[in-house]
Amino acid sequence: MEFLTYEEGRCVQCMHIGSYDKEPTTIELMSNYAKENGYEIDITDKRYHHEIYLSDPRRCQENRLKTVIRHPIKLRKGKV
């Protein structure tokens, strides 16, 4: 485990409910939302994809797992 402190900046995030295996669908929706609003995903060595696990998979049914998924974003070129 490693504890990091960094400036989050502008992000798009979503509460994913359900199996971890289905997260790619949520991530695709987040990417589409960002694009529709003039942004692009900005994951770099200084800006991270991260997840906040709100449920304990040992004590929760898989279809009720809650995870906050967060991706950094930046304005697409040509947008103001």
N, C-alpha and C. Protein backbone atom coordinates (compact mmCIF):
# COMPACT_ATOMS: atom_id res chain seq x y z
N MET A 1 0.84 -1.16 0.00
CA MET A 1 0.00 0.00 0.00
C MET A 1 0.89 1.23 0.00
N GLU A 2 0.43 2.24 -0.70
CA GLU A 2 1.15 3.50 -0.79
C GLU A 2 0.14 4.63 -0.63
N PHE A 3 0.47 5.61 0.18
CA PHE A 3 -0.38 6.79 0.33
C PHE A 3 0.19 7.91 -0.50
N LEU A 4 -0.67 8.50 -1.33
CA LEU A 4 -0.25 9.58 -2.20
C LEU A 4 -1.07 10.83 -1.93
N THR A 5 -0.45 11.96 -2.11
CA THR A 5 -1.16 13.23 -2.10
C THR A 5 -0.85 13.90 -3.43
N TYR A 6 -1.90 14.29 -4.13
CA TYR A 6 -1.69 14.98 -5.40
C TYR A 6 -2.90 15.86 -5.68
N GLU A 7 -2.68 16.84 -6.54
CA GLU A 7 -3.73 17.75 -6.94
C GLU A 7 -4.65 17.03 -7.92
N GLU A 8 -5.90 16.87 -7.55
CA GLU A 8 -6.83 16.10 -8.38
C GLU A 8 -7.15 16.79 -9.69
N GLY A 9 -7.48 18.06 -9.64
CA GLY A 9 -7.87 18.76 -10.86
C GLY A 9 -9.26 18.33 -11.33
N ARG A 10 -9.57 18.69 -12.55
CA ARG A 10 -10.88 18.41 -13.13
C ARG A 10 -10.99 16.92 -13.44
N CYS A 11 -12.14 16.33 -13.09
CA CYS A 11 -12.35 14.89 -13.27
C CYS A 11 -13.77 14.61 -13.71
N VAL A 12 -13.96 13.43 -14.26
CA VAL A 12 -15.28 12.87 -14.47
C VAL A 12 -15.33 11.63 -13.59
N GLN A 13 -16.45 11.45 -12.88
CA GLN A 13 -16.55 10.30 -12.01
C GLN A 13 -17.96 9.73 -12.05
N CYS A 14 -18.06 8.47 -11.66
CA CYS A 14 -19.35 7.79 -11.69
C CYS A 14 -19.39 6.76 -10.56
N MET A 15 -20.57 6.58 -10.00
CA MET A 15 -20.79 5.51 -9.03
C MET A 15 -21.16 4.26 -9.82
N HIS A 16 -20.25 3.29 -9.85
CA HIS A 16 -20.51 2.01 -10.51
C HIS A 16 -21.12 1.08 -9.49
N ILE A 17 -22.25 0.49 -9.83
CA ILE A 17 -22.89 -0.48 -8.95
C ILE A 17 -22.92 -1.81 -9.66
N GLY A 18 -22.32 -2.81 -9.04
CA GLY A 18 -22.30 -4.14 -9.63
C GLY A 18 -20.90 -4.72 -9.67
N SER A 19 -20.77 -5.77 -10.44
CA SER A 19 -19.53 -6.53 -10.56
C SER A 19 -18.38 -5.67 -11.08
N TYR A 20 -17.20 -5.92 -10.56
CA TYR A 20 -16.00 -5.24 -11.05
C TYR A 20 -15.77 -5.58 -12.52
N ASP A 21 -16.19 -6.77 -12.94
CA ASP A 21 -16.01 -7.19 -14.33
C ASP A 21 -16.79 -6.31 -15.31
N LYS A 22 -17.78 -5.60 -14.82
CA LYS A 22 -18.61 -4.75 -15.70
C LYS A 22 -18.19 -3.29 -15.68
N GLU A 23 -17.10 -2.98 -14.99
CA GLU A 23 -16.62 -1.60 -14.94
C GLU A 23 -16.28 -1.02 -16.31
N PRO A 24 -15.74 -1.81 -17.26
CA PRO A 24 -15.42 -1.22 -18.57
C PRO A 24 -16.61 -0.53 -19.24
N THR A 25 -17.81 -1.04 -19.02
CA THR A 25 -19.00 -0.39 -19.59
C THR A 25 -19.21 0.98 -18.96
N THR A 26 -19.04 1.09 -17.66
CA THR A 26 -19.17 2.37 -16.97
C THR A 26 -18.09 3.34 -17.43
N ILE A 27 -16.87 2.84 -17.59
CA ILE A 27 -15.76 3.69 -18.04
C ILE A 27 -16.02 4.21 -19.45
N GLU A 28 -16.58 3.38 -20.31
CA GLU A 28 -16.92 3.83 -21.66
C GLU A 28 -17.97 4.94 -21.61
N LEU A 29 -18.98 4.80 -20.75
CA LEU A 29 -20.00 5.84 -20.59
C LEU A 29 -19.37 7.14 -20.10
N MET A 30 -18.43 7.04 -19.18
CA MET A 30 -17.75 8.23 -18.67
C MET A 30 -16.95 8.91 -19.77
N SER A 31 -16.26 8.13 -20.58
CA SER A 31 -15.47 8.69 -21.69
C SER A 31 -16.38 9.39 -22.69
N ASN A 32 -17.50 8.75 -23.01
CA ASN A 32 -18.46 9.36 -23.94
C ASN A 32 -19.02 10.65 -23.38
N TYR A 33 -19.34 10.67 -22.09
CA TYR A 33 -19.86 11.88 -21.44
C TYR A 33 -18.83 13.01 -21.53
N ALA A 34 -17.58 12.69 -21.25
CA ALA A 34 -16.53 13.70 -21.32
C ALA A 34 -16.43 14.27 -22.74
N LYS A 35 -16.41 13.40 -23.74
CA LYS A 35 -16.30 13.84 -25.13
C LYS A 35 -17.48 14.70 -25.55
N GLU A 36 -18.69 14.30 -25.15
CA GLU A 36 -19.89 15.06 -25.49
C GLU A 36 -19.88 16.46 -24.87
N ASN A 37 -19.08 16.63 -23.83
CA ASN A 37 -19.03 17.92 -23.14
C ASN A 37 -17.72 18.67 -23.37
N GLY A 38 -16.98 18.27 -24.42
CA GLY A 38 -15.80 19.01 -24.83
C GLY A 38 -14.51 18.64 -24.11
N TYR A 39 -14.47 17.49 -23.46
CA TYR A 39 -13.29 17.06 -22.71
C TYR A 39 -12.74 15.76 -23.27
N GLU A 40 -11.55 15.42 -22.84
CA GLU A 40 -10.97 14.12 -23.14
C GLU A 40 -10.32 13.59 -21.87
N ILE A 41 -10.22 12.27 -21.80
CA ILE A 41 -9.59 11.62 -20.64
C ILE A 41 -8.12 12.00 -20.64
N ASP A 42 -7.59 12.29 -19.46
CA ASP A 42 -6.22 12.79 -19.31
C ASP A 42 -5.44 11.96 -18.29
N ILE A 43 -5.35 10.65 -18.53
CA ILE A 43 -4.60 9.78 -17.63
C ILE A 43 -3.13 9.82 -18.05
N THR A 44 -2.27 10.23 -17.12
CA THR A 44 -0.83 10.34 -17.38
C THR A 44 -0.08 9.78 -16.19
N ASP A 45 1.24 9.95 -16.20
CA ASP A 45 2.04 9.48 -15.05
C ASP A 45 1.84 10.38 -13.83
N LYS A 46 1.16 11.52 -13.99
CA LYS A 46 0.88 12.40 -12.87
C LYS A 46 -0.61 12.54 -12.56
N ARG A 47 -1.45 12.08 -13.47
CA ARG A 47 -2.91 12.13 -13.30
C ARG A 47 -3.43 10.71 -13.46
N TYR A 48 -4.11 10.22 -12.46
CA TYR A 48 -4.40 8.79 -12.36
C TYR A 48 -5.87 8.43 -12.50
N HIS A 49 -6.11 7.25 -13.08
CA HIS A 49 -7.40 6.57 -12.93
C HIS A 49 -7.41 6.08 -11.50
N HIS A 50 -8.51 6.28 -10.80
CA HIS A 50 -8.58 5.62 -9.50
C HIS A 50 -9.99 5.24 -9.14
N GLU A 51 -10.08 4.34 -8.20
CA GLU A 51 -11.35 3.79 -7.77
C GLU A 51 -11.43 3.85 -6.26
N ILE A 52 -12.61 4.16 -5.78
CA ILE A 52 -12.87 4.19 -4.34
C ILE A 52 -13.89 3.09 -4.07
N TYR A 53 -13.48 2.08 -3.34
CA TYR A 53 -14.35 0.93 -3.07
C TYR A 53 -15.17 1.22 -1.82
N LEU A 54 -16.47 1.28 -1.98
CA LEU A 54 -17.36 1.60 -0.87
C LEU A 54 -17.96 0.36 -0.23
N SER A 55 -17.88 -0.76 -0.91
CA SER A 55 -18.45 -2.01 -0.41
C SER A 55 -17.34 -3.02 -0.16
N ASP A 56 -17.59 -3.89 0.80
CA ASP A 56 -16.68 -4.99 1.09
C ASP A 56 -17.15 -6.22 0.33
N PRO A 57 -16.39 -6.66 -0.68
CA PRO A 57 -16.85 -7.80 -1.49
C PRO A 57 -17.01 -9.10 -0.70
N ARG A 58 -16.45 -9.16 0.49
CA ARG A 58 -16.63 -10.35 1.33
C ARG A 58 -17.98 -10.35 2.03
N ARG A 59 -18.63 -9.18 2.07
CA ARG A 59 -19.88 -9.04 2.83
C ARG A 59 -21.05 -8.52 2.00
N CYS A 60 -20.86 -8.41 0.73
CA CYS A 60 -21.87 -7.78 -0.13
C CYS A 60 -22.10 -8.66 -1.36
N GLN A 61 -23.35 -8.74 -1.79
CA GLN A 61 -23.62 -9.45 -3.03
C GLN A 61 -22.96 -8.71 -4.18
N GLU A 62 -22.45 -9.46 -5.15
CA GLU A 62 -21.71 -8.87 -6.26
C GLU A 62 -22.51 -7.80 -6.99
N ASN A 63 -23.81 -8.00 -7.16
CA ASN A 63 -24.63 -7.04 -7.89
C ASN A 63 -24.90 -5.75 -7.10
N ARG A 64 -24.46 -5.71 -5.84
CA ARG A 64 -24.67 -4.53 -5.01
C ARG A 64 -23.37 -3.81 -4.64
N LEU A 65 -22.25 -4.27 -5.19
CA LEU A 65 -20.97 -3.61 -4.91
C LEU A 65 -21.02 -2.17 -5.42
N LYS A 66 -20.46 -1.25 -4.65
CA LYS A 66 -20.42 0.16 -5.04
C LYS A 66 -18.97 0.62 -5.13
N THR A 67 -18.64 1.20 -6.29
CA THR A 67 -17.29 1.69 -6.54
C THR A 67 -17.39 3.04 -7.23
N VAL A 68 -16.70 4.04 -6.69
CA VAL A 68 -16.59 5.33 -7.37
C VAL A 68 -15.40 5.22 -8.32
N ILE A 69 -15.65 5.45 -9.60
CA ILE A 69 -14.58 5.43 -10.61
C ILE A 69 -14.33 6.88 -11.02
N ARG A 70 -13.07 7.27 -11.02
CA ARG A 70 -12.72 8.67 -11.31
C ARG A 70 -11.59 8.72 -12.33
N HIS A 71 -11.80 9.54 -13.37
CA HIS A 71 -10.78 9.77 -14.40
C HIS A 71 -10.52 11.26 -14.54
N PRO A 72 -9.26 11.65 -14.60
CA PRO A 72 -8.94 13.05 -14.87
C PRO A 72 -9.31 13.40 -16.31
N ILE A 73 -9.70 14.64 -16.52
CA ILE A 73 -10.05 15.10 -17.87
C ILE A 73 -9.40 16.45 -18.14
N LYS A 74 -9.35 16.78 -19.43
CA LYS A 74 -8.87 18.12 -19.85
C LYS A 74 -9.71 18.54 -21.05
N LEU A 75 -9.75 19.83 -21.28
CA LEU A 75 -10.47 20.35 -22.45
C LEU A 75 -9.82 19.81 -23.72
N ARG A 76 -10.67 19.41 -24.67
CA ARG A 76 -10.13 18.99 -25.96
C ARG A 76 -9.59 20.20 -26.70
N LYS A 77 -8.61 19.98 -27.52
CA LYS A 77 -8.03 21.07 -28.29
C LYS A 77 -9.12 21.74 -29.12
N GLY A 78 -9.06 23.07 -29.16
CA GLY A 78 -10.05 23.82 -29.91
C GLY A 78 -11.28 24.19 -29.11
N LYS A 79 -11.37 23.71 -27.86
CA LYS A 79 -12.50 24.05 -26.99
C LYS A 79 -12.07 25.13 -26.03
N VAL A 80 -13.02 25.96 -25.62
CA VAL A 80 -12.72 27.03 -24.65
C VAL A 80 -13.60 26.86 -23.44
